[in-house]
């Protein structure tokens, strides 16, 4: 759970995107097996950049 919080906080701070959207995306990745906060943040930033 801490990894998710770190990733969401980083994504929101860096992109000023909707917090709920970031939470949903990070949660899906976490449930898919990605547990590293850096990896969650990187994947989240990639998704936000794509639109």
PDB file of N, CA and C in Angstrom:
ATOM      1  N   UNK A   1       0.818  -1.195   0.000  1.00  0.00           N
ATOM      2  CA  UNK A   1       0.000   0.000   0.000  1.00  0.00           C
ATOM      3  C   UNK A   1       0.864   1.262   0.000  1.00  0.00           C
ATOM      4  N   UNK A   2       1.986   1.223   0.677  1.00  0.00           N
ATOM      5  CA  UNK A   2       2.857   2.398   0.727  1.00  0.00           C
ATOM      6  C   UNK A   2       3.422   2.703  -0.657  1.00  0.00           C
ATOM      7  N   UNK A   3       3.719   1.653  -1.420  1.00  0.00           N
ATOM      8  CA  UNK A   3       4.236   1.854  -2.779  1.00  0.00           C
ATOM      9  C   UNK A   3       3.213   2.587  -3.636  1.00  0.00           C
ATOM     10  N   UNK A   4       1.952   2.233  -3.479  1.00  0.00           N
ATOM     11  CA  UNK A   4       0.888   2.895  -4.236  1.00  0.00           C
ATOM     12  C   UNK A   4       0.800   4.372  -3.863  1.00  0.00           C
ATOM     13  N   UNK A   5       0.851   4.663  -2.588  1.00  0.00           N
ATOM     14  CA  UNK A   5       0.740   6.043  -2.116  1.00  0.00           C
ATOM     15  C   UNK A   5       1.893   6.900  -2.639  1.00  0.00           C
ATOM     16  N   UNK A   6       3.099   6.358  -2.575  1.00  0.00           N
ATOM     17  CA  UNK A   6       4.275   7.076  -3.067  1.00  0.00           C
ATOM     18  C   UNK A   6       4.123   7.377  -4.558  1.00  0.00           C
ATOM     19  N   UNK A   7       3.722   6.374  -5.319  1.00  0.00           N
ATOM     20  CA  UNK A   7       3.576   6.544  -6.770  1.00  0.00           C
ATOM     21  C   UNK A   7       2.498   7.569  -7.104  1.00  0.00           C
ATOM     22  N   UNK A   8       1.358   7.487  -6.451  1.00  0.00           N
ATOM     23  CA  UNK A   8       0.266   8.436  -6.720  1.00  0.00           C
ATOM     24  C   UNK A   8       0.693   9.849  -6.356  1.00  0.00           C
ATOM     25  N   UNK A   9       1.312  10.024  -5.205  1.00  0.00           N
ATOM     26  CA  UNK A   9       1.771  11.353  -4.799  1.00  0.00           C
ATOM     27  C   UNK A   9       2.760  11.928  -5.814  1.00  0.00           C
ATOM     28  N   UNK A  10       3.678  11.101  -6.294  1.00  0.00           N
ATOM     29  CA  UNK A  10       4.668  11.563  -7.273  1.00  0.00           C
ATOM     30  C   UNK A  10       4.015  11.936  -8.597  1.00  0.00           C
ATOM     31  N   UNK A  11       3.102  11.111  -9.069  1.00  0.00           N
ATOM     32  CA  UNK A  11       2.434  11.391 -10.346  1.00  0.00           C
ATOM     33  C   UNK A  11       1.634  12.680 -10.267  1.00  0.00           C
ATOM     34  N   UNK A  12       0.883  12.848  -9.204  1.00  0.00           N
ATOM     35  CA  UNK A  12       0.065  14.059  -9.038  1.00  0.00           C
ATOM     36  C   UNK A  12       0.953  15.292  -8.898  1.00  0.00           C
ATOM     37  N   UNK A  13       2.032  15.184  -8.149  1.00  0.00           N
ATOM     38  CA  UNK A  13       2.938  16.324  -7.958  1.00  0.00           C
ATOM     39  C   UNK A  13       3.625  16.723  -9.257  1.00  0.00           C
ATOM     40  N   UNK A  14       4.004  15.748 -10.065  1.00  0.00           N
ATOM     41  CA  UNK A  14       4.736  16.044 -11.298  1.00  0.00           C
ATOM     42  C   UNK A  14       3.845  16.468 -12.456  1.00  0.00           C
ATOM     43  N   UNK A  15       2.601  16.014 -12.478  1.00  0.00           N
ATOM     44  CA  UNK A  15       1.743  16.285 -13.635  1.00  0.00           C
ATOM     45  C   UNK A  15       0.514  17.118 -13.321  1.00  0.00           C
ATOM     46  N   UNK A  16       0.165  17.262 -12.056  1.00  0.00           N
ATOM     47  CA  UNK A  16      -1.045  17.973 -11.646  1.00  0.00           C
ATOM     48  C   UNK A  16      -2.297  17.360 -12.281  1.00  0.00           C
ATOM     49  N   UNK A  17      -2.273  16.030 -12.459  1.00  0.00           N
ATOM     50  CA  UNK A  17      -3.409  15.336 -13.035  1.00  0.00           C
ATOM     51  C   UNK A  17      -4.443  15.024 -11.947  1.00  0.00           C
ATOM     52  N   UNK A  18      -5.540  14.471 -12.373  1.00  0.00           N
ATOM     53  CA  UNK A  18      -6.612  14.086 -11.458  1.00  0.00           C
ATOM     54  C   UNK A  18      -6.131  12.964 -10.540  1.00  0.00           C
ATOM     55  N   UNK A  19      -6.229  13.184  -9.258  1.00  0.00           N
ATOM     56  CA  UNK A  19      -5.739  12.214  -8.271  1.00  0.00           C
ATOM     57  C   UNK A  19      -6.475  10.879  -8.373  1.00  0.00           C
ATOM     58  N   UNK A  20      -7.764  10.913  -8.606  1.00  0.00           N
ATOM     59  CA  UNK A  20      -8.554   9.675  -8.701  1.00  0.00           C
ATOM     60  C   UNK A  20      -8.125   8.838  -9.901  1.00  0.00           C
ATOM     61  N   UNK A  21      -7.805   9.485 -11.014  1.00  0.00           N
ATOM     62  CA  UNK A  21      -7.335   8.759 -12.199  1.00  0.00           C
ATOM     63  C   UNK A  21      -5.985   8.108 -11.919  1.00  0.00           C
ATOM     64  N   UNK A  22      -5.110   8.825 -11.238  1.00  0.00           N
ATOM     65  CA  UNK A  22      -3.794   8.281 -10.895  1.00  0.00           C
ATOM     66  C   UNK A  22      -3.942   7.097  -9.945  1.00  0.00           C
ATOM     67  N   UNK A  23      -4.828   7.212  -8.982  1.00  0.00           N
ATOM     68  CA  UNK A  23      -5.055   6.121  -8.026  1.00  0.00           C
ATOM     69  C   UNK A  23      -5.555   4.878  -8.754  1.00  0.00           C
ATOM     70  N   UNK A  24      -6.512   5.051  -9.659  1.00  0.00           N
ATOM     71  CA  UNK A  24      -7.068   3.908 -10.393  1.00  0.00           C
ATOM     72  C   UNK A  24      -5.999   3.225 -11.235  1.00  0.00           C
ATOM     73  N   UNK A  25      -5.178   4.014 -11.927  1.00  0.00           N
ATOM     74  CA  UNK A  25      -4.147   3.436 -12.780  1.00  0.00           C
ATOM     75  C   UNK A  25      -3.105   2.690 -11.954  1.00  0.00           C
ATOM     76  N   UNK A  26      -2.624   3.320 -10.893  1.00  0.00           N
ATOM     77  CA  UNK A  26      -1.600   2.699 -10.048  1.00  0.00           C
ATOM     78  C   UNK A  26      -2.152   1.441  -9.386  1.00  0.00           C
ATOM     79  N   UNK A  27      -3.387   1.473  -8.970  1.00  0.00           N
ATOM     80  CA  UNK A  27      -3.991   0.293  -8.333  1.00  0.00           C
ATOM     81  C   UNK A  27      -4.041  -0.888  -9.307  1.00  0.00           C
ATOM     82  N   UNK A  28      -4.393  -0.620 -10.575  1.00  0.00           N
ATOM     83  CA  UNK A  28      -4.421  -1.698 -11.576  1.00  0.00           C
ATOM     84  C   UNK A  28      -3.032  -2.305 -11.766  1.00  0.00           C
ATOM     85  N   UNK A  29      -2.017  -1.438 -11.855  1.00  0.00           N
ATOM     86  CA  UNK A  29      -0.650  -1.948 -11.998  1.00  0.00           C
ATOM     87  C   UNK A  29      -0.231  -2.755 -10.781  1.00  0.00           C
ATOM     88  N   UNK A  30      -0.554  -2.255  -9.596  1.00  0.00           N
ATOM     89  CA  UNK A  30      -0.187  -2.925  -8.355  1.00  0.00           C
ATOM     90  C   UNK A  30      -0.824  -4.311  -8.286  1.00  0.00           C
ATOM     91  N   UNK A  31      -2.083  -4.386  -8.644  1.00  0.00           N
ATOM     92  CA  UNK A  31      -2.772  -5.679  -8.620  1.00  0.00           C
ATOM     93  C   UNK A  31      -2.240  -6.621  -9.695  1.00  0.00           C
ATOM     94  N   UNK A  32      -1.653  -6.066 -10.742  1.00  0.00           N
ATOM     95  CA  UNK A  32      -1.055  -6.880 -11.802  1.00  0.00           C
ATOM     96  C   UNK A  32       0.326  -7.392 -11.407  1.00  0.00           C
ATOM     97  N   UNK A  33       0.843  -6.948 -10.268  1.00  0.00           N
ATOM     98  CA  UNK A  33       2.094  -7.487  -9.774  1.00  0.00           C
ATOM     99  C   UNK A  33       3.247  -6.516  -9.681  1.00  0.00           C
ATOM    100  N   UNK A  34       3.063  -5.267 -10.093  1.00  0.00           N
ATOM    101  CA  UNK A  34       4.134  -4.271 -10.003  1.00  0.00           C
ATOM    102  C   UNK A  34       4.127  -3.712  -8.581  1.00  0.00           C
ATOM    103  N   UNK A  35       5.179  -3.957  -7.823  1.00  0.00           N
ATOM    104  CA  UNK A  35       5.208  -3.549  -6.409  1.00  0.00           C
ATOM    105  C   UNK A  35       6.217  -2.445  -6.109  1.00  0.00           C
ATOM    106  N   UNK A  36       7.108  -2.138  -7.050  1.00  0.00           N
ATOM    107  CA  UNK A  36       8.160  -1.150  -6.840  1.00  0.00           C
ATOM    108  C   UNK A  36       7.611   0.269  -7.069  1.00  0.00           C
ATOM    109  N   UNK A  37       7.730   1.182  -6.091  1.00  0.00           N
ATOM    110  CA  UNK A  37       7.198   2.540  -6.249  1.00  0.00           C
ATOM    111  C   UNK A  37       7.788   3.278  -7.449  1.00  0.00           C
ATOM    112  N   UNK A  38       9.072   3.064  -7.729  1.00  0.00           N
ATOM    113  CA  UNK A  38       9.685   3.743  -8.875  1.00  0.00           C
ATOM    114  C   UNK A  38       9.071   3.264 -10.177  1.00  0.00           C
ATOM    115  N   UNK A  39       8.858   1.984 -10.282  1.00  0.00           N
ATOM    116  CA  UNK A  39       8.262   1.406 -11.500  1.00  0.00           C
ATOM    117  C   UNK A  39       6.818   1.865 -11.646  1.00  0.00           C
ATOM    118  N   UNK A  40       6.063   1.887 -10.546  1.00  0.00           N
ATOM    119  CA  UNK A  40       4.682   2.370 -10.594  1.00  0.00           C
ATOM    120  C   UNK A  40       4.631   3.823 -11.048  1.00  0.00           C
ATOM    121  N   UNK A  41       5.532   4.641 -10.519  1.00  0.00           N
ATOM    122  CA  UNK A  41       5.576   6.056 -10.883  1.00  0.00           C
ATOM    123  C   UNK A  41       5.930   6.220 -12.354  1.00  0.00           C
ATOM    124  N   UNK A  42       6.943   5.498 -12.815  1.00  0.00           N
ATOM    125  CA  UNK A  42       7.377   5.591 -14.205  1.00  0.00           C
ATOM    126  C   UNK A  42       6.255   5.193 -15.155  1.00  0.00           C
ATOM    127  N   UNK A  43       5.610   4.075 -14.887  1.00  0.00           N
ATOM    128  CA  UNK A  43       4.504   3.610 -15.740  1.00  0.00           C
ATOM    129  C   UNK A  43       3.340   4.602 -15.713  1.00  0.00           C
ATOM    130  N   UNK A  44       3.072   5.162 -14.538  1.00  0.00           N
ATOM    131  CA  UNK A  44       2.006   6.166 -14.422  1.00  0.00           C
ATOM    132  C   UNK A  44       2.312   7.411 -15.216  1.00  0.00           C
ATOM    133  N   UNK A  45       3.544   7.887 -15.157  1.00  0.00           N
ATOM    134  CA  UNK A  45       3.946   9.072 -15.922  1.00  0.00           C
ATOM    135  C   UNK A  45       3.867   8.797 -17.421  1.00  0.00           C
ATOM    136  N   UNK A  46       4.235   7.601 -17.836  1.00  0.00           N
ATOM    137  CA  UNK A  46       4.127   7.233 -19.256  1.00  0.00           C
ATOM    138  C   UNK A  46       2.670   7.273 -19.706  1.00  0.00           C
ATOM    139  N   UNK A  47       1.784   6.748 -18.897  1.00  0.00           N
ATOM    140  CA  UNK A  47       0.370   6.720 -19.256  1.00  0.00           C
ATOM    141  C   UNK A  47      -0.218   8.125 -19.333  1.00  0.00           C
ATOM    142  N   UNK A  48       0.153   8.993 -18.415  1.00  0.00           N
ATOM    143  CA  UNK A  48      -0.335  10.376 -18.420  1.00  0.00           C
ATOM    144  C   UNK A  48       0.179  11.100 -19.665  1.00  0.00           C
ATOM    145  N   UNK A  49       1.423  10.857 -20.032  1.00  0.00           N
ATOM    146  CA  UNK A  49       2.013  11.501 -21.202  1.00  0.00           C
ATOM    147  C   UNK A  49       1.313  11.069 -22.495  1.00  0.00           C
ATOM    148  N   UNK A  50       0.866   9.843 -22.534  1.00  0.00           N
ATOM    149  CA  UNK A  50       0.172   9.347 -23.727  1.00  0.00           C
ATOM    150  C   UNK A  50      -1.224   9.930 -23.860  1.00  0.00           C
ATOM    151  N   UNK A  51      -1.770  10.378 -22.744  1.00  0.00           N
ATOM    152  CA  UNK A  51      -3.048  11.049 -22.819  1.00  0.00           C
ATOM    153  C   UNK A  51      -4.174  10.349 -22.221  1.00  0.00           C
TER     154      UNK A  51
END
